[in-house]
Amino acid sequence: MSIHSPHGQSPLRTVQVLGGGNATSSAHVRSLAAGLVARGVRVTVCAPTEADHTYDFTGTGAEHVPVPRSSDPASVKVLRAACTDADLVHAHGLHASFRAVLALGGRRTPLVVTWHDRAYAEGARAHLLRLLERRVAKAASVVLGTTSGLVDRARRTGARDARLAPVALPGVRPAEEDPERPRAKVRAELGAIGRPLLMAVGSLERHRGYDVLLDASRAWRLLDPVPLVVVVGEGPLRADLQRRIEDEELPVRLIGLRDDVGELLAAADLAVLAGEEEARSVAAQEALHARVPLVAARTGGVRELVGDAAELVPPGDADALGDAVARLLDDPGRCERLRDLGTRQAAMWPTEDETVAQVLSVYDELTQPQPLI
């Protein structure tokens, strides 16, 4: 029996809803499911089959219900059945949240929504996303935003109750060198022998600021030795970025998706984050955990996350980005100070247990009987 259920009643049953299996939200749901199950809560995770294969939701003790991706109309029907006896539904991300709203229909089941990041689109699709945001924000009992900016956005779009809820980055630990794959070997594999290694991590999409990164890399060709910029990630801009790299002979390598990002970052001299719309950046968190000095665009989400533990530059300013990187490469003392500041900053971020406790307090608030006055 759940310690969060009144005596004689069944344990609290929650349904966690994921959309396309975004890495950040999927890892959070896996961590959340494990923590909730350990506390006696029954958890059902509605997510694409491939997400369960990757994140093993059932391994936490949760039930997994395969749900087609958001583009499949059958997904709402499956969700509606899965949510039939739920005490509370918790959806992660805009598309998953919208499908949860449709699945619940007119039911009085409390709906909690977590916005991990903004959804991005251009043209007519951007207008559609704004409409979806408004519908979800108004329907949710509580909207949890991982940054203050996302909380403000939820309130502007009609949320009746929006709260700050920064989430832990599951599974990240301070970097430890693998004796079978030392730092020098990683750098050799990447082609960074005898030259600085800069690491950028993130999907190859427009809002990630890779055009600014490539612009800045032009100036780095004048440094001696010339730094190598390695970009970890995949996305729709790959062909365009590769074309620029080749045409302009830029010192940049695109290496696609990798499952050893922690090792790659630990081998780098600097991490670079050029996006103009970053929320609670996973790449920034991984860099600070790995004690790698970070140069990042000064966005609200990044500034809130890293404080003074990174070199921040104006968003979209390739010259400022280029200059900041060049200065740090020539200032080992400043780099060491950033490493120490980063370690202290990372220690202030919530743990997985603290994240679960905060979410569970919201669940209790929405599901426990209210005393009569």
Foldseek 3Di string as FASTA:
>chain_A
DAPLDPPPDAAAEEEEWEAAQPPQVLLLVLLLLLLCVVRVYAYEYEEAPVSCVVSVSVVSVYHYDHADHLVDPCRLVSLLVVCVPHQAYEYEAQSRLLSNCSSCPPPPRAYEYEYAFDDDDDDPVVVVSLVSLLVSQQSHPEYEYLAPVVQVVSVVSHHPHYYYFNADRPPFAADDADPVQGLVNLCVVVVQPPAAEEEEEDAPDDQQQVVLVQLLQVVLVPDVVRYAYEYEHYYDCVVVVVVCCVVVVGRYHYDYHDPPVLSNLLSHQEYEGQGARDAQDPSLLSNLSHLHAYEYEPHRRVCVQQPPLHHYDHHPDSNRSNVVVVVCVVCVPVSNVSNVSSPVSSVPGDDSNRSSVVVVVVSSVSRPDDDDD
